[in-house]
């Protein structure tokens, strides 16, 4: 039995579909009790419904985060939710918990929170935790990708700070999903899996490569050294549909390189897609 939390999110919902296609027994947990498979109602923040949802579960996916939500400090909410879930999973005897976080240093609040959640889970689950750390995910529903797509499509000229030339290793949503699904059955799962695509690119290079695929010319980019992440987030929010509360921590994290430093073991993300192929898949929606 596999439990997917965050099953209504853009990663969780598609992971559920993939697991069901593979013939897995899937249970989902959400605040509304919506979703495919054995849908259960519960809340990781309050702990309501967790023991019942985790009963008899072998593998659980923890895909929950509060960033961009309403009502205060997302990092504090994520700490509470992680502790509640980890303790409930340990009590239920779950064999493996797979948590999806991010690559990069802890220079931004967004990435610090992701790493802190992993540490809280590890402290209670020990070797039962697999920490999957992905670079920027290229796929519909990924806020980072949605920002990139709308900037390319809507702005012929951009004034941006130095994060434009920060390197990352963008990874296709399809590769993230297949790796997550593979971890349900893999016997020798490592404690950490770092996921990146086939290409190492700066944000400037991603925009230049994505533009022709989107039927646009690459935007004219003017780099300035004094534009703060806060100011950047305001103009990004103006020209994209992504909420300001989500844009701020993401833009703050764009200054951190997201590169794979330890390749996954054989059998996990062996042949990742290149950037252009990942964008083509995303544009097909």
C-alpha atoms as a PDB file:
ATOM      1  CA  UNK A   1       0.000   0.000   0.000  1.00  0.00           C
ATOM      2  CA  UNK A   2       1.323   3.414  -1.014  1.00  0.00           C
ATOM      3  CA  UNK A   3       0.169   6.697   0.539  1.00  0.00           C
ATOM      4  CA  UNK A   4       0.586   9.978  -1.342  1.00  0.00           C
ATOM      5  CA  UNK A   5       0.220  13.174   0.674  1.00  0.00           C
ATOM      6  CA  UNK A   6      -0.124  16.413  -1.272  1.00  0.00           C
ATOM      7  CA  UNK A   7      -2.038  14.330  -3.807  1.00  0.00           C
ATOM      8  CA  UNK A   8      -3.876  17.350  -5.240  1.00  0.00           C
ATOM      9  CA  UNK A   9      -0.657  19.243  -6.047  1.00  0.00           C
ATOM     10  CA  UNK A  10       0.964  19.300  -9.469  1.00  0.00           C
ATOM     11  CA  UNK A  11       3.551  16.623  -8.583  1.00  0.00           C
ATOM     12  CA  UNK A  12       1.322  14.560  -6.299  1.00  0.00           C
ATOM     13  CA  UNK A  13      -1.628  14.324  -8.672  1.00  0.00           C
ATOM     14  CA  UNK A  14       0.520  13.133 -11.565  1.00  0.00           C
ATOM     15  CA  UNK A  15       2.479  10.755  -9.328  1.00  0.00           C
ATOM     16  CA  UNK A  16      -0.807   9.144  -8.292  1.00  0.00           C
ATOM     17  CA  UNK A  17      -1.704   8.657 -11.967  1.00  0.00           C
ATOM     18  CA  UNK A  18       1.667   7.051 -12.696  1.00  0.00           C
ATOM     19  CA  UNK A  19       1.507   4.727  -9.690  1.00  0.00           C
ATOM     20  CA  UNK A  20      -1.990   3.612 -10.650  1.00  0.00           C
ATOM     21  CA  UNK A  21      -0.818   2.995 -14.224  1.00  0.00           C
ATOM     22  CA  UNK A  22       1.885   0.732 -12.788  1.00  0.00           C
ATOM     23  CA  UNK A  23      -0.728  -1.270 -10.911  1.00  0.00           C
ATOM     24  CA  UNK A  24       0.168  -0.050  -7.426  1.00  0.00           C
ATOM     25  CA  UNK A  25      -2.348   0.119  -4.565  1.00  0.00           C
ATOM     26  CA  UNK A  26      -2.605   3.845  -3.862  1.00  0.00           C
ATOM     27  CA  UNK A  27      -4.160   5.787  -1.010  1.00  0.00           C
ATOM     28  CA  UNK A  28      -4.269   9.578  -1.043  1.00  0.00           C
ATOM     29  CA  UNK A  29      -4.494  12.125   1.755  1.00  0.00           C
ATOM     30  CA  UNK A  30      -5.835  15.643   1.356  1.00  0.00           C
ATOM     31  CA  UNK A  31      -7.781  18.149   3.399  1.00  0.00           C
ATOM     32  CA  UNK A  32     -10.857  17.669   1.223  1.00  0.00           C
ATOM     33  CA  UNK A  33     -10.546  13.924   0.872  1.00  0.00           C
ATOM     34  CA  UNK A  34     -10.337  14.376  -2.898  1.00  0.00           C
ATOM     35  CA  UNK A  35      -8.240  12.361  -5.297  1.00  0.00           C
ATOM     36  CA  UNK A  36      -7.985   9.030  -7.048  1.00  0.00           C
ATOM     37  CA  UNK A  37      -7.400   5.659  -5.453  1.00  0.00           C
ATOM     38  CA  UNK A  38      -8.389   5.217  -1.815  1.00  0.00           C
ATOM     39  CA  UNK A  39      -8.969   8.906  -1.010  1.00  0.00           C
ATOM     40  CA  UNK A  40      -8.763   9.847   2.664  1.00  0.00           C
ATOM     41  CA  UNK A  41      -9.462  13.141   4.402  1.00  0.00           C
ATOM     42  CA  UNK A  42      -6.853  14.512   6.779  1.00  0.00           C
ATOM     43  CA  UNK A  43      -4.568  17.403   7.636  1.00  0.00           C
ATOM     44  CA  UNK A  44      -0.840  17.104   8.310  1.00  0.00           C
ATOM     45  CA  UNK A  45      -0.819  20.508  10.016  1.00  0.00           C
ATOM     46  CA  UNK A  46      -3.340  19.504  12.685  1.00  0.00           C
ATOM     47  CA  UNK A  47      -2.533  15.787  12.582  1.00  0.00           C
ATOM     48  CA  UNK A  48      -6.191  14.953  11.972  1.00  0.00           C
ATOM     49  CA  UNK A  49      -6.673  11.716  10.045  1.00  0.00           C
ATOM     50  CA  UNK A  50      -2.972  10.780   9.894  1.00  0.00           C
ATOM     51  CA  UNK A  51      -3.080   7.541  11.945  1.00  0.00           C
ATOM     52  CA  UNK A  52      -6.007   6.225   9.916  1.00  0.00           C
ATOM     53  CA  UNK A  53      -4.437   7.177   6.568  1.00  0.00           C
ATOM     54  CA  UNK A  54      -1.100   5.555   7.481  1.00  0.00           C
ATOM     55  CA  UNK A  55      -2.547   2.295   8.765  1.00  0.00           C
ATOM     56  CA  UNK A  56      -1.179  -0.603   6.719  1.00  0.00           C
ATOM     57  CA  UNK A  57       0.969   1.659   4.516  1.00  0.00           C
ATOM     58  CA  UNK A  58       4.341   0.377   3.277  1.00  0.00           C
ATOM     59  CA  UNK A  59       5.597   3.452   1.394  1.00  0.00           C
ATOM     60  CA  UNK A  60       4.506   7.057   1.939  1.00  0.00           C
ATOM     61  CA  UNK A  61       5.280  10.089  -0.211  1.00  0.00           C
ATOM     62  CA  UNK A  62       5.545  13.379   1.640  1.00  0.00           C
ATOM     63  CA  UNK A  63       4.824  16.103  -0.956  1.00  0.00           C
ATOM     64  CA  UNK A  64       3.425  18.779   1.341  1.00  0.00           C
ATOM     65  CA  UNK A  65       4.579  22.380   1.660  1.00  0.00           C
ATOM     66  CA  UNK A  66       2.937  25.607   2.785  1.00  0.00           C
ATOM     67  CA  UNK A  67       4.854  28.121   0.682  1.00  0.00           C
ATOM     68  CA  UNK A  68       2.543  30.561  -1.016  1.00  0.00           C
ATOM     69  CA  UNK A  69      -0.372  29.725   1.226  1.00  0.00           C
ATOM     70  CA  UNK A  70      -2.293  32.105   3.417  1.00  0.00           C
ATOM     71  CA  UNK A  71      -1.964  32.802   7.102  1.00  0.00           C
ATOM     72  CA  UNK A  72       1.599  33.478   8.171  1.00  0.00           C
ATOM     73  CA  UNK A  73       5.027  31.859   8.299  1.00  0.00           C
ATOM     74  CA  UNK A  74       5.218  28.985   5.797  1.00  0.00           C
ATOM     75  CA  UNK A  75       8.420  27.620   7.360  1.00  0.00           C
ATOM     76  CA  UNK A  76       6.792  27.331  10.793  1.00  0.00           C
ATOM     77  CA  UNK A  77       3.809  25.519   9.270  1.00  0.00           C
ATOM     78  CA  UNK A  78       6.094  23.141   7.423  1.00  0.00           C
ATOM     79  CA  UNK A  79       7.978  22.335  10.623  1.00  0.00           C
ATOM     80  CA  UNK A  80       4.752  21.462  12.437  1.00  0.00           C
ATOM     81  CA  UNK A  81       3.421  19.394   9.547  1.00  0.00           C
ATOM     82  CA  UNK A  82       6.692  17.472   9.122  1.00  0.00           C
ATOM     83  CA  UNK A  83       6.875  16.526  12.793  1.00  0.00           C
ATOM     84  CA  UNK A  84       3.236  15.427  12.845  1.00  0.00           C
ATOM     85  CA  UNK A  85       3.658  13.285   9.758  1.00  0.00           C
ATOM     86  CA  UNK A  86       7.005  11.756  10.747  1.00  0.00           C
ATOM     87  CA  UNK A  87       5.795  10.736  14.196  1.00  0.00           C
ATOM     88  CA  UNK A  88       2.583   9.259  12.789  1.00  0.00           C
ATOM     89  CA  UNK A  89       4.515   7.354  10.088  1.00  0.00           C
ATOM     90  CA  UNK A  90       6.992   5.988  12.651  1.00  0.00           C
ATOM     91  CA  UNK A  91       4.150   4.865  14.915  1.00  0.00           C
ATOM     92  CA  UNK A  92       2.411   3.183  11.980  1.00  0.00           C
ATOM     93  CA  UNK A  93       5.537   1.210  11.042  1.00  0.00           C
ATOM     94  CA  UNK A  94       5.834   2.650   7.524  1.00  0.00           C
ATOM     95  CA  UNK A  95       8.762   0.977   5.756  1.00  0.00           C
ATOM     96  CA  UNK A  96       9.813   3.977   3.645  1.00  0.00           C
ATOM     97  CA  UNK A  97       9.007   7.687   3.389  1.00  0.00           C
ATOM     98  CA  UNK A  98       9.982   9.573   0.226  1.00  0.00           C
ATOM     99  CA  UNK A  99      10.269  13.342   0.573  1.00  0.00           C
ATOM    100  CA  UNK A 100      10.678  15.714  -2.381  1.00  0.00           C
ATOM    101  CA  UNK A 101      12.774  18.801  -1.656  1.00  0.00           C
ATOM    102  CA  UNK A 102      15.183  20.996  -3.591  1.00  0.00           C
ATOM    103  CA  UNK A 103      18.802  21.167  -4.644  1.00  0.00           C
ATOM    104  CA  UNK A 104      20.968  24.108  -3.717  1.00  0.00           C
ATOM    105  CA  UNK A 105      22.446  25.774  -0.679  1.00  0.00           C
ATOM    106  CA  UNK A 106      20.478  27.156   2.234  1.00  0.00           C
ATOM    107  CA  UNK A 107      20.916  30.802   1.203  1.00  0.00           C
ATOM    108  CA  UNK A 108      17.178  31.374   0.789  1.00  0.00           C
ATOM    109  CA  UNK A 109      14.292  30.878   3.188  1.00  0.00           C
ATOM    110  CA  UNK A 110      12.640  28.583   0.650  1.00  0.00           C
ATOM    111  CA  UNK A 111      15.604  26.168   0.459  1.00  0.00           C
ATOM    112  CA  UNK A 112      16.347  26.416   4.194  1.00  0.00           C
ATOM    113  CA  UNK A 113      12.784  25.320   4.908  1.00  0.00           C
ATOM    114  CA  UNK A 114      13.057  22.377   2.491  1.00  0.00           C
ATOM    115  CA  UNK A 115      16.265  21.167   4.142  1.00  0.00           C
ATOM    116  CA  UNK A 116      14.878  21.714   7.621  1.00  0.00           C
ATOM    117  CA  UNK A 117      11.853  19.540   6.815  1.00  0.00           C
ATOM    118  CA  UNK A 118      14.215  16.784   5.652  1.00  0.00           C
ATOM    119  CA  UNK A 119      16.152  17.027   8.912  1.00  0.00           C
ATOM    120  CA  UNK A 120      12.977  16.831  10.997  1.00  0.00           C
ATOM    121  CA  UNK A 121      11.811  13.795   9.067  1.00  0.00           C
ATOM    122  CA  UNK A 122      15.230  12.125   9.310  1.00  0.00           C
ATOM    123  CA  UNK A 123      15.432  12.651  13.059  1.00  0.00           C
ATOM    124  CA  UNK A 124      12.231  10.618  13.515  1.00  0.00           C
ATOM    125  CA  UNK A 125      12.417   8.158  10.615  1.00  0.00           C
ATOM    126  CA  UNK A 126      16.186   7.588  10.398  1.00  0.00           C
ATOM    127  CA  UNK A 127      17.092   5.218   7.538  1.00  0.00           C
ATOM    128  CA  UNK A 128      13.466   4.928   6.432  1.00  0.00           C
ATOM    129  CA  UNK A 129      13.649   8.362   4.778  1.00  0.00           C
ATOM    130  CA  UNK A 130      14.657   8.898   1.143  1.00  0.00           C
ATOM    131  CA  UNK A 131      15.304  12.588   0.521  1.00  0.00           C
ATOM    132  CA  UNK A 132      14.804  13.380  -3.181  1.00  0.00           C
ATOM    133  CA  UNK A 133      16.360  16.729  -4.058  1.00  0.00           C
ATOM    134  CA  UNK A 134      15.380  18.142  -7.439  1.00  0.00           C
ATOM    135  CA  UNK A 135      16.702  21.133  -9.339  1.00  0.00           C
ATOM    136  CA  UNK A 136      14.229  23.473 -11.056  1.00  0.00           C
ATOM    137  CA  UNK A 137      11.376  21.285 -12.318  1.00  0.00           C
ATOM    138  CA  UNK A 138      10.268  21.885 -15.925  1.00  0.00           C
ATOM    139  CA  UNK A 139       6.597  21.059 -16.205  1.00  0.00           C
ATOM    140  CA  UNK A 140       3.113  22.574 -16.091  1.00  0.00           C
ATOM    141  CA  UNK A 141       2.175  23.534 -12.555  1.00  0.00           C
ATOM    142  CA  UNK A 142       5.756  24.063 -11.421  1.00  0.00           C
ATOM    143  CA  UNK A 143       5.837  27.666 -10.213  1.00  0.00           C
ATOM    144  CA  UNK A 144       9.471  28.072 -11.303  1.00  0.00           C
ATOM    145  CA  UNK A 145       8.660  26.876 -14.813  1.00  0.00           C
ATOM    146  CA  UNK A 146       5.459  28.939 -15.000  1.00  0.00           C
ATOM    147  CA  UNK A 147       7.485  32.057 -14.156  1.00  0.00           C
ATOM    148  CA  UNK A 148       9.999  31.249 -16.907  1.00  0.00           C
ATOM    149  CA  UNK A 149       7.294  30.622 -19.516  1.00  0.00           C
ATOM    150  CA  UNK A 150       5.363  33.803 -18.785  1.00  0.00           C
ATOM    151  CA  UNK A 151       8.482  35.988 -18.698  1.00  0.00           C
ATOM    152  CA  UNK A 152       9.509  34.688 -22.112  1.00  0.00           C
ATOM    153  CA  UNK A 153       6.032  35.075 -23.603  1.00  0.00           C
ATOM    154  CA  UNK A 154       5.135  38.471 -22.172  1.00  0.00           C
ATOM    155  CA  UNK A 155       8.288  40.562 -21.805  1.00  0.00           C
ATOM    156  CA  UNK A 156      10.337  41.656 -24.838  1.00  0.00           C
ATOM    157  CA  UNK A 157      12.734  43.492 -22.476  1.00  0.00           C
ATOM    158  CA  UNK A 158      13.706  42.533 -18.934  1.00  0.00           C
ATOM    159  CA  UNK A 159      15.757  44.307 -16.305  1.00  0.00           C
ATOM    160  CA  UNK A 160      17.101  41.668 -13.959  1.00  0.00           C
ATOM    161  CA  UNK A 161      19.718  41.259 -11.219  1.00  0.00           C
ATOM    162  CA  UNK A 162      22.705  38.930 -11.124  1.00  0.00           C
ATOM    163  CA  UNK A 163      20.601  35.787 -10.550  1.00  0.00           C
ATOM    164  CA  UNK A 164      20.120  35.753 -14.316  1.00  0.00           C
ATOM    165  CA  UNK A 165      23.519  34.062 -14.628  1.00  0.00           C
ATOM    166  CA  UNK A 166      23.143  31.552 -11.800  1.00  0.00           C
ATOM    167  CA  UNK A 167      23.601  27.996 -13.040  1.00  0.00           C
ATOM    168  CA  UNK A 168      21.023  25.282 -12.525  1.00  0.00           C
ATOM    169  CA  UNK A 169      20.337  21.808 -13.882  1.00  0.00           C
ATOM    170  CA  UNK A 170      16.643  21.940 -14.870  1.00  0.00           C
ATOM    171  CA  UNK A 171      14.919  18.565 -14.712  1.00  0.00           C
ATOM    172  CA  UNK A 172      11.816  17.397 -16.586  1.00  0.00           C
ATOM    173  CA  UNK A 173       8.728  16.726 -14.503  1.00  0.00           C
ATOM    174  CA  UNK A 174       8.480  13.329 -16.220  1.00  0.00           C
ATOM    175  CA  UNK A 175      11.930  12.366 -14.907  1.00  0.00           C
ATOM    176  CA  UNK A 176      11.036  13.460 -11.378  1.00  0.00           C
ATOM    177  CA  UNK A 177       7.806  11.452 -11.467  1.00  0.00           C
ATOM    178  CA  UNK A 178       9.442   8.286 -12.796  1.00  0.00           C
ATOM    179  CA  UNK A 179      12.194   8.471 -10.173  1.00  0.00           C
ATOM    180  CA  UNK A 180       9.696   8.966  -7.365  1.00  0.00           C
ATOM    181  CA  UNK A 181       7.620   6.031  -8.599  1.00  0.00           C
ATOM    182  CA  UNK A 182      10.699   3.800  -8.954  1.00  0.00           C
ATOM    183  CA  UNK A 183      11.559   4.394  -5.305  1.00  0.00           C
ATOM    184  CA  UNK A 184       8.370   2.641  -4.188  1.00  0.00           C
ATOM    185  CA  UNK A 185       9.718  -0.754  -5.225  1.00  0.00           C
ATOM    186  CA  UNK A 186      13.490  -0.341  -5.106  1.00  0.00           C
ATOM    187  CA  UNK A 187      15.025  -2.498  -2.374  1.00  0.00           C
ATOM    188  CA  UNK A 188      18.323  -0.606  -1.993  1.00  0.00           C
ATOM    189  CA  UNK A 189      17.000   2.957  -1.945  1.00  0.00           C
ATOM    190  CA  UNK A 190      19.681   5.484  -0.918  1.00  0.00           C
ATOM    191  CA  UNK A 191      19.160   8.034   1.830  1.00  0.00           C
ATOM    192  CA  UNK A 192      19.385  10.885  -0.713  1.00  0.00           C
ATOM    193  CA  UNK A 193      18.745  11.161  -4.439  1.00  0.00           C
ATOM    194  CA  UNK A 194      19.819  14.279  -6.349  1.00  0.00           C
ATOM    195  CA  UNK A 195      17.909  14.940  -9.562  1.00  0.00           C
ATOM    196  CA  UNK A 196      18.940  17.149 -12.447  1.00  0.00           C
ATOM    197  CA  UNK A 197      18.472  17.179 -16.195  1.00  0.00           C
ATOM    198  CA  UNK A 198      20.992  16.576 -18.956  1.00  0.00           C
ATOM    199  CA  UNK A 199      21.934  20.279 -19.280  1.00  0.00           C
ATOM    200  CA  UNK A 200      23.555  22.806 -16.957  1.00  0.00           C
ATOM    201  CA  UNK A 201      22.207  26.253 -17.874  1.00  0.00           C
ATOM    202  CA  UNK A 202      21.885  29.760 -16.524  1.00  0.00           C
ATOM    203  CA  UNK A 203      18.471  31.409 -16.333  1.00  0.00           C
ATOM    204  CA  UNK A 204      19.540  33.604 -19.269  1.00  0.00           C
ATOM    205  CA  UNK A 205      20.360  30.518 -21.363  1.00  0.00           C
ATOM    206  CA  UNK A 206      17.064  28.846 -20.425  1.00  0.00           C
ATOM    207  CA  UNK A 207      15.095  31.855 -21.633  1.00  0.00           C
ATOM    208  CA  UNK A 208      17.064  31.976 -24.893  1.00  0.00           C
ATOM    209  CA  UNK A 209      16.482  28.280 -25.574  1.00  0.00           C
ATOM    210  CA  UNK A 210      12.836  28.288 -24.503  1.00  0.00           C
ATOM    211  CA  UNK A 211      11.794  31.320 -26.584  1.00  0.00           C
ATOM    212  CA  UNK A 212      11.857  29.661 -30.060  1.00  0.00           C
ATOM    213  CA  UNK A 213       9.917  26.680 -28.686  1.00  0.00           C
ATOM    214  CA  UNK A 214       7.258  29.125 -27.470  1.00  0.00           C
ATOM    215  CA  UNK A 215       7.095  31.023 -30.745  1.00  0.00           C
ATOM    216  CA  UNK A 216       8.895  34.063 -29.342  1.00  0.00           C
ATOM    217  CA  UNK A 217      12.157  35.884 -29.827  1.00  0.00           C
ATOM    218  CA  UNK A 218      14.550  35.692 -26.880  1.00  0.00           C
ATOM    219  CA  UNK A 219      13.869  38.736 -24.687  1.00  0.00           C
ATOM    220  CA  UNK A 220      16.372  41.552 -24.547  1.00  0.00           C
ATOM    221  CA  UNK A 221      17.935  41.314 -21.101  1.00  0.00           C
ATOM    222  CA  UNK A 222      19.509  44.221 -19.228  1.00  0.00           C
ATOM    223  CA  UNK A 223      21.359  43.103 -16.137  1.00  0.00           C
ATOM    224  CA  UNK A 224      21.713  45.501 -13.201  1.00  0.00           C
ATOM    225  CA  UNK A 225      23.622  44.867  -9.972  1.00  0.00           C
ATOM    226  CA  UNK A 226      21.282  46.670  -7.570  1.00  0.00           C
ATOM    227  CA  UNK A 227      17.849  45.113  -8.191  1.00  0.00           C
ATOM    228  CA  UNK A 228      17.005  43.317  -4.950  1.00  0.00           C
ATOM    229  CA  UNK A 229      15.137  39.984  -4.824  1.00  0.00           C
ATOM    230  CA  UNK A 230      12.196  41.823  -3.250  1.00  0.00           C
ATOM    231  CA  UNK A 231      11.929  44.276  -6.155  1.00  0.00           C
ATOM    232  CA  UNK A 232      12.434  41.435  -8.637  1.00  0.00           C
ATOM    233  CA  UNK A 233       9.586  39.499  -7.087  1.00  0.00           C
ATOM    234  CA  UNK A 234       7.189  42.423  -7.519  1.00  0.00           C
ATOM    235  CA  UNK A 235       7.686  42.759 -11.265  1.00  0.00           C
ATOM    236  CA  UNK A 236       7.696  38.969 -11.725  1.00  0.00           C
ATOM    237  CA  UNK A 237       4.327  38.831  -9.936  1.00  0.00           C
ATOM    238  CA  UNK A 238       2.999  41.603 -12.184  1.00  0.00           C
ATOM    239  CA  UNK A 239       3.618  39.738 -15.435  1.00  0.00           C
ATOM    240  CA  UNK A 240       2.995  36.127 -14.356  1.00  0.00           C
ATOM    241  CA  UNK A 241      -0.030  34.377 -12.827  1.00  0.00           C
ATOM    242  CA  UNK A 242       2.036  33.111  -9.879  1.00  0.00           C
ATOM    243  CA  UNK A 243       1.023  34.517  -6.485  1.00  0.00           C
ATOM    244  CA  UNK A 244       3.344  37.089  -4.918  1.00  0.00           C
ATOM    245  CA  UNK A 245       3.571  34.974  -1.765  1.00  0.00           C
ATOM    246  CA  UNK A 246       5.026  32.166  -3.857  1.00  0.00           C
ATOM    247  CA  UNK A 247       7.133  34.359  -6.133  1.00  0.00           C
ATOM    248  CA  UNK A 248       9.089  36.027  -3.305  1.00  0.00           C
ATOM    249  CA  UNK A 249      10.749  32.909  -1.837  1.00  0.00           C
ATOM    250  CA  UNK A 250      11.337  31.440  -5.293  1.00  0.00           C
ATOM    251  CA  UNK A 251      13.050  34.568  -6.614  1.00  0.00           C
ATOM    252  CA  UNK A 252      15.046  34.760  -3.385  1.00  0.00           C
ATOM    253  CA  UNK A 253      16.326  31.265  -4.123  1.00  0.00           C
ATOM    254  CA  UNK A 254      17.363  31.995  -7.718  1.00  0.00           C
ATOM    255  CA  UNK A 255      20.758  33.166  -6.521  1.00  0.00           C
ATOM    256  CA  UNK A 256      21.675  29.650  -5.385  1.00  0.00           C
ATOM    257  CA  UNK A 257      23.178  27.183  -7.854  1.00  0.00           C
ATOM    258  CA  UNK A 258      21.145  23.977  -8.165  1.00  0.00           C
ATOM    259  CA  UNK A 259      23.559  21.353  -9.473  1.00  0.00           C
ATOM    260  CA  UNK A 260      23.794  17.616  -8.927  1.00  0.00           C
ATOM    261  CA  UNK A 261      26.903  16.917  -6.860  1.00  0.00           C
ATOM    262  CA  UNK A 262      26.254  13.205  -6.316  1.00  0.00           C
ATOM    263  CA  UNK A 263      24.842  11.180  -9.197  1.00  0.00           C
ATOM    264  CA  UNK A 264      21.888   8.905  -8.394  1.00  0.00           C
ATOM    265  CA  UNK A 265      22.624   5.178  -8.235  1.00  0.00           C
ATOM    266  CA  UNK A 266      22.150   3.110 -11.377  1.00  0.00           C
ATOM    267  CA  UNK A 267      18.514   2.623 -12.240  1.00  0.00           C
ATOM    268  CA  UNK A 268      17.363   6.033 -11.039  1.00  0.00           C
ATOM    269  CA  UNK A 269      17.147   8.869 -13.610  1.00  0.00           C
ATOM    270  CA  UNK A 270      19.755   7.171 -15.795  1.00  0.00           C
ATOM    271  CA  UNK A 271      18.907   9.123 -18.981  1.00  0.00           C
ATOM    272  CA  UNK A 272      17.411  12.484 -18.016  1.00  0.00           C
ATOM    273  CA  UNK A 273      15.843  14.641 -20.702  1.00  0.00           C
ATOM    274  CA  UNK A 274      17.574  17.741 -21.999  1.00  0.00           C
ATOM    275  CA  UNK A 275      16.102  21.188 -21.419  1.00  0.00           C
ATOM    276  CA  UNK A 276      14.464  21.605 -24.834  1.00  0.00           C
ATOM    277  CA  UNK A 277      12.755  18.215 -24.654  1.00  0.00           C
ATOM    278  CA  UNK A 278      11.513  18.999 -21.149  1.00  0.00           C
ATOM    279  CA  UNK A 279      10.046  22.318 -22.360  1.00  0.00           C
ATOM    280  CA  UNK A 280       8.380  20.610 -25.342  1.00  0.00           C
ATOM    281  CA  UNK A 281       6.660  18.205 -22.955  1.00  0.00           C
ATOM    282  CA  UNK A 282       5.570  21.066 -20.720  1.00  0.00           C
ATOM    283  CA  UNK A 283       4.121  23.035 -23.636  1.00  0.00           C
ATOM    284  CA  UNK A 284       2.048  20.032 -24.702  1.00  0.00           C
ATOM    285  CA  UNK A 285       0.237  20.278 -21.332  1.00  0.00           C
END
